[in-house]
Protein backbone atom coordinates (compact mmCIF):
# COMPACT_ATOMS: atom_id res chain seq x y z
CA UNK A 1 -2.68 4.36 8.28
CA UNK A 2 0.74 3.04 7.29
CA UNK A 3 1.97 2.03 3.87
CA UNK A 4 5.20 0.40 2.79
CA UNK A 5 5.47 1.59 -0.82
CA UNK A 6 7.86 -0.22 -3.13
CA UNK A 7 8.71 0.61 -6.71
CA UNK A 8 8.67 -2.71 -8.55
CA UNK A 9 9.54 -4.21 -11.90
CA UNK A 10 6.87 -6.84 -11.18
CA UNK A 11 4.86 -8.15 -8.25
CA UNK A 12 2.26 -10.83 -7.65
CA UNK A 13 0.27 -12.30 -4.80
CA UNK A 14 -0.88 -15.87 -4.38
CA UNK A 15 -3.40 -17.53 -2.07
CA UNK A 16 -3.17 -21.32 -1.77
CA UNK A 17 -0.82 -21.42 -4.75
CA UNK A 18 -3.20 -19.48 -7.04
CA UNK A 19 -2.24 -16.07 -8.43
CA UNK A 20 -4.96 -13.61 -7.44
CA UNK A 21 -3.23 -10.36 -8.39
CA UNK A 22 -0.19 -9.42 -10.43
CA UNK A 23 1.37 -6.38 -12.03
CA UNK A 24 4.37 -5.42 -14.10
CA UNK A 25 6.09 -2.03 -13.62
CA UNK A 26 4.54 0.00 -10.84
CA UNK A 27 3.98 0.04 -7.10
CA UNK A 28 3.57 -2.66 -4.49
CA UNK A 29 1.71 -1.24 -1.48
CA UNK A 30 1.58 -3.02 1.88
CA UNK A 31 -1.25 -1.29 3.76
CA UNK A 32 -1.97 -1.26 7.49
CA UNK A 33 -5.10 0.33 8.93
CA UNK A 34 -5.22 1.68 12.49
CA UNK A 35 -8.13 2.00 14.88
CA UNK A 36 -8.20 5.79 14.42
CA UNK A 37 -8.16 5.97 10.61
CA UNK A 38 -10.90 7.84 8.76
CA UNK A 39 -11.69 8.72 5.16
CA UNK A 40 -9.42 11.78 5.56
CA UNK A 41 -6.31 9.62 6.06
CA UNK A 42 -7.40 7.23 3.31
CA UNK A 43 -7.88 10.00 0.73
CA UNK A 44 -4.63 11.73 1.68
CA UNK A 45 -2.55 8.56 1.37
CA UNK A 46 -4.21 7.46 -1.88
CA UNK A 47 -3.38 10.83 -3.41
CA UNK A 48 0.17 10.69 -2.01
CA UNK A 49 0.76 7.23 -3.56
CA UNK A 50 -0.52 8.43 -6.94
CA UNK A 51 1.46 11.68 -6.95
CA UNK A 52 4.85 10.67 -5.49
CA UNK A 53 7.54 11.29 -8.07
CA UNK A 54 9.68 8.17 -7.67
CA UNK A 55 10.05 6.99 -11.27
CA UNK A 56 12.95 8.08 -13.43
CA UNK A 57 12.64 10.33 -16.45
CA UNK A 58 14.88 10.06 -19.54
CA UNK A 59 17.68 11.83 -17.63
CA UNK A 60 17.52 9.40 -14.70
CA UNK A 61 15.93 11.93 -12.31
CA UNK A 62 13.09 10.83 -10.04
CA UNK A 63 10.53 13.16 -11.55
CA UNK A 64 7.60 10.99 -12.62
CA UNK A 65 4.65 9.56 -10.69
CA UNK A 66 2.86 6.26 -11.18
CA UNK A 67 0.19 8.22 -13.07
CA UNK A 68 2.82 9.80 -15.35
CA UNK A 69 4.22 6.42 -16.36
CA UNK A 70 0.79 4.73 -16.46
CA UNK A 71 2.10 1.97 -14.22
CA UNK A 72 0.12 -0.54 -12.17
CA UNK A 73 -0.49 -0.93 -8.44
CA UNK A 74 -0.72 -4.07 -6.29
CA UNK A 75 -2.32 -3.43 -2.88
CA UNK A 76 -1.85 -5.94 -0.05
CA UNK A 77 -3.51 -5.61 3.36
CA UNK A 78 -0.99 -6.01 6.17
CA UNK A 79 -2.22 -5.54 9.73
CA UNK A 80 1.25 -6.42 11.05
CA UNK A 81 2.38 -2.90 10.10
CA UNK A 82 0.71 -1.92 13.37
CA UNK A 83 2.62 -4.47 15.43
CA UNK A 84 4.05 -2.77 18.51
CA UNK A 85 7.30 -4.48 19.57
CA UNK A 86 8.35 -2.09 22.32
CA UNK A 87 7.47 -4.50 25.13
CA UNK A 88 8.15 -8.19 25.51
CA UNK A 89 8.83 -10.59 22.67
CA UNK A 90 5.39 -10.85 21.10
CA UNK A 91 4.05 -7.89 19.10
CA UNK A 92 0.88 -6.21 20.29
CA UNK A 93 -1.65 -5.40 17.60
CA UNK A 94 -3.86 -3.12 19.73
CA UNK A 95 -3.44 -0.23 17.28
CA UNK A 96 -4.51 -2.32 14.25
CA UNK A 97 -8.14 -1.78 13.27
CA UNK A 98 -10.53 -4.68 13.89
CA UNK A 99 -11.09 -6.75 10.76
CA UNK A 100 -14.52 -5.38 9.69
CA UNK A 101 -13.37 -1.75 9.97
CA UNK A 102 -9.97 -2.48 8.43
CA UNK A 103 -11.56 -4.23 5.45
CA UNK A 104 -13.97 -1.33 4.90
CA UNK A 105 -11.11 1.19 4.92
CA UNK A 106 -8.90 -1.06 2.78
CA UNK A 107 -11.63 -1.33 0.13
CA UNK A 108 -12.14 2.44 0.25
CA UNK A 109 -8.40 2.99 -0.28
CA UNK A 110 -8.39 0.60 -3.25
CA UNK A 111 -11.45 2.36 -4.74
CA UNK A 112 -9.70 5.75 -4.49
CA UNK A 113 -6.65 4.36 -6.29
CA UNK A 114 -8.88 2.89 -9.02
CA UNK A 115 -10.37 6.34 -9.65
CA UNK A 116 -7.01 7.16 -11.29
CA UNK A 117 -7.81 4.81 -14.16
CA UNK A 118 -4.65 2.79 -13.53
CA UNK A 119 -4.58 -1.00 -13.25
CA UNK A 120 -5.06 -1.74 -9.54
CA UNK A 121 -4.80 -5.33 -8.32
CA UNK A 122 -5.26 -6.61 -4.78
CA UNK A 123 -4.54 -9.47 -2.48
CA UNK A 124 -7.30 -11.18 -0.51
CA UNK A 125 -8.14 -9.35 2.69
CA UNK A 126 -7.50 -11.50 5.78
CA UNK A 127 -5.98 -14.42 3.86
CA UNK A 128 -2.56 -15.98 4.27
CA UNK A 129 -0.80 -14.73 1.15
CA UNK A 130 2.52 -15.26 -0.55
CA UNK A 131 3.77 -12.01 -2.07
CA UNK A 132 6.47 -11.92 -4.74
CA UNK A 133 8.15 -8.55 -5.12
CA UNK A 134 10.78 -7.69 -7.71
CA UNK A 135 12.04 -4.40 -6.29
CA UNK A 136 13.20 -1.73 -8.69
CA UNK A 137 16.11 0.33 -7.43
CA UNK A 138 15.27 -0.64 -4.75
CA UNK A 139 13.02 2.28 -3.95
CA UNK A 140 11.08 1.68 -0.72
CA UNK A 141 9.28 4.35 1.29
CA UNK A 142 7.18 4.29 4.44
CA UNK A 143 4.13 6.55 4.34
CA UNK A 144 2.10 7.28 7.42
CA UNK A 145 -0.79 9.52 8.24
CA UNK A 146 -2.43 9.43 11.65
CA UNK A 147 -5.79 10.97 12.48
CA UNK A 148 -4.01 13.57 14.62
CA UNK A 149 -2.35 15.07 11.53
CA UNK A 150 -4.90 17.64 10.47
CA UNK A 151 -3.46 19.40 7.45
CA UNK A 152 -3.49 17.99 3.96
């Protein structure tokens, strides 16, 4: 599972010109699911997103998590995070989970984030979306957890 995590001042997602999810201060998460992902990776990454201390305290230090600031989260499915560009000129998506499995894992990830009690918005799985991201900082991190990583 791969996530591009961005600290945002605001973010929204539209499908066919209609806003389907939007947040103010918080996190924009672009989420890719691989063929080998399990509930272990999903739980680990959900917890990591909720606990990362990437928001500033009153002294300007990055010492607060999304939970600490009671921010919001916008989660967008993005299978292209598993595009392999090592060969040729067209990415291979062999490592991206097939749509039914990816959607199941995506929904599970969203449900784990919602357990935090924070506002969690989503895009529309499998749709062509327009995503508006107002980066804050910018702070952008890439999180990854593969099934072969056994320790939490």
